[in-house]
C-alpha cells in the first residue's frame, strides 16, 4: 500500500525534489515577509503611541539587546530642507530613494572604514585617558 489511490501516479524523485524545493523557498519567503511585516507593525505601534521619542527609546533598546552603538547618520529633515531650498518641492519618499543612491552607499562605505580607526582611538582613550594621536602631536 503506497498511500495513493488507485490510478494516481507516484511522483518521480525529480518532481518530488522540485516540489520540496518550492515548498521550502515559499516557507522562507513567508517567514521573511512575516518578520518584515511584524517589525514594521512594532515600529508603527511605538511611533503611534509614543512618537519620535518612543522610536529613540526603541532604538536604544535594540542597541542594548544587540550590543550596538547606533547613531542617526542623516535625517529626513536634512534631505527635505536641501530639496526644498534648491529645487522648491517636497518628496515624501526621499528617504526611501536616498537609500539607493551612490552618495549614500559611498557615505556608508566611508563610515564603515572609519569605524575601526575610531574604535581603536576610543579604546586608547579609555585605557590611557588621552588619545594616542594627541600624545604623538605633543
Protein backbone atom coordinates (compact mmCIF):
# COMPACT_ATOMS: atom_id res chain seq x y z
CA UNK A 1 0.00 0.00 0.00
CA UNK A 2 1.66 3.20 -1.18
CA UNK A 3 -0.77 5.78 0.26
CA UNK A 4 -2.00 6.76 -3.21
CA UNK A 5 -5.42 5.95 -4.62
CA UNK A 6 -5.55 3.52 -7.49
CA UNK A 7 -4.82 5.32 -10.71
CA UNK A 8 -2.72 8.09 -9.11
CA UNK A 9 0.78 8.23 -10.41
CA UNK A 10 3.58 8.28 -7.87
CA UNK A 11 5.69 11.42 -8.41
CA UNK A 12 9.22 10.89 -9.64
CA UNK A 13 12.18 11.77 -7.48
CA UNK A 14 12.85 14.92 -9.57
CA UNK A 15 9.23 16.03 -9.25
CA UNK A 16 9.30 15.42 -5.51
CA UNK A 17 12.57 17.38 -5.12
CA UNK A 18 11.18 20.25 -7.22
CA UNK A 19 8.04 20.30 -5.04
CA UNK A 20 10.11 20.20 -1.84
CA UNK A 21 12.40 22.97 -3.10
CA UNK A 22 9.43 25.19 -3.99
CA UNK A 23 7.82 24.47 -0.62
CA UNK A 24 10.98 25.39 1.32
CA UNK A 25 11.52 28.55 -0.76
CA UNK A 26 7.90 29.54 -0.20
CA UNK A 27 8.19 28.93 3.53
CA UNK A 28 11.36 31.03 3.70
CA UNK A 29 9.70 33.88 1.77
CA UNK A 30 6.68 33.62 4.04
CA UNK A 31 8.90 33.79 7.13
CA UNK A 32 10.78 36.81 5.78
CA UNK A 33 7.52 38.57 4.90
CA UNK A 34 6.06 37.86 8.34
CA UNK A 35 9.21 39.14 10.07
CA UNK A 36 9.29 42.27 7.92
CA UNK A 37 5.60 43.00 8.47
CA UNK A 38 5.84 42.27 12.19
CA UNK A 39 8.84 44.58 12.62
CA UNK A 40 7.04 47.29 10.66
CA UNK A 41 3.95 46.90 12.85
CA UNK A 42 6.03 47.15 16.05
CA UNK A 43 7.74 50.33 14.86
CA UNK A 44 4.40 51.83 13.77
CA UNK A 45 2.83 50.96 17.11
CA UNK A 46 5.71 52.55 19.05
CA UNK A 47 5.56 55.65 16.84
CA UNK A 48 1.77 55.96 17.09
CA UNK A 49 1.82 55.54 20.88
CA UNK A 50 4.99 57.48 21.76
CA UNK A 51 6.12 59.48 18.70
CA UNK A 52 9.73 60.14 17.80
CA UNK A 53 10.80 59.91 21.44
CA UNK A 54 9.40 56.38 21.56
CA UNK A 55 11.36 55.45 18.45
CA UNK A 56 14.52 56.74 20.15
CA UNK A 57 13.79 54.53 23.15
CA UNK A 58 13.16 51.59 20.82
CA UNK A 59 16.49 52.23 19.09
CA UNK A 60 18.28 52.37 22.45
CA UNK A 61 16.63 49.09 23.47
CA UNK A 62 17.71 47.48 20.18
CA UNK A 63 21.24 48.77 20.71
CA UNK A 64 21.31 47.30 24.22
CA UNK A 65 19.99 43.93 23.08
CA UNK A 66 22.27 43.67 20.03
CA UNK A 67 25.29 45.28 21.75
CA UNK A 68 25.40 48.06 19.16
CA UNK A 69 26.06 51.77 19.37
CA UNK A 70 23.76 53.32 16.79
CA UNK A 71 23.57 56.90 15.74
CA UNK A 72 21.49 58.69 13.17
CA UNK A 73 23.74 59.49 10.21
CA UNK A 74 21.34 61.57 8.18
CA UNK A 75 17.80 62.68 8.86
CA UNK A 76 14.86 63.02 6.56
CA UNK A 77 14.62 66.70 7.52
CA UNK A 78 18.16 67.29 6.21
CA UNK A 79 17.17 65.92 2.81
CA UNK A 80 13.83 67.77 2.84
CA UNK A 81 15.46 71.13 3.60
CA UNK A 82 18.02 70.79 0.81
CA UNK A 83 15.43 69.55 -1.68
CA UNK A 84 13.08 72.43 -0.92
CA UNK A 85 15.78 75.13 -0.75
CA UNK A 86 17.43 74.08 -4.01
CA UNK A 87 14.50 72.75 -6.09
CA UNK A 88 11.39 74.15 -4.39
CA UNK A 89 9.47 70.95 -3.80
CA UNK A 90 8.93 68.19 -1.25
CA UNK A 91 9.26 64.44 -1.94
CA UNK A 92 7.51 62.23 0.62
CA UNK A 93 9.61 59.23 -0.45
CA UNK A 94 13.01 60.96 -0.37
CA UNK A 95 14.40 58.78 2.42
CA UNK A 96 13.50 55.57 0.60
CA UNK A 97 15.03 56.91 -2.61
CA UNK A 98 18.14 58.16 -0.77
CA UNK A 99 18.96 54.64 0.44
CA UNK A 100 19.60 53.58 -3.17
CA UNK A 101 21.85 56.47 -4.19
CA UNK A 102 25.54 56.19 -4.92
CA UNK A 103 26.22 59.01 -2.43
CA UNK A 104 24.52 57.08 0.40
CA UNK A 105 26.46 53.93 -0.45
CA UNK A 106 29.69 55.95 -0.51
CA UNK A 107 28.89 57.54 2.86
CA UNK A 108 28.17 54.14 4.39
CA UNK A 109 31.42 52.76 2.99
CA UNK A 110 33.44 55.62 4.44
CA UNK A 111 31.75 55.28 7.81
CA UNK A 112 32.40 51.53 7.77
CA UNK A 113 36.14 52.17 7.24
CA UNK A 114 36.28 54.89 9.90
CA UNK A 115 34.59 52.61 12.40
CA UNK A 116 37.71 50.50 13.02
CA UNK A 117 40.00 53.52 13.26
CA UNK A 118 37.81 55.25 15.80
CA UNK A 119 37.18 52.06 17.76
CA UNK A 120 40.96 51.89 18.34
CA UNK A 121 41.09 55.56 19.34
CA UNK A 122 38.16 55.11 21.72
CA UNK A 123 39.80 52.14 23.43
CA UNK A 124 43.12 54.01 23.69
CA UNK A 125 41.36 56.98 25.25
CA UNK A 126 39.51 54.76 27.71
CA UNK A 127 42.71 53.00 28.75
CA UNK A 128 45.14 55.91 28.73
CA UNK A 129 42.84 58.87 29.18
CA UNK A 130 44.45 60.59 26.16
CA UNK A 131 44.19 59.52 22.53
CA UNK A 132 47.49 58.16 21.17
CA UNK A 133 47.48 60.62 18.25
CA UNK A 134 47.28 63.58 20.66
CA UNK A 135 50.29 62.23 22.61
CA UNK A 136 52.31 61.94 19.40
CA UNK A 137 51.42 65.52 18.44
CA UNK A 138 52.84 66.87 21.73
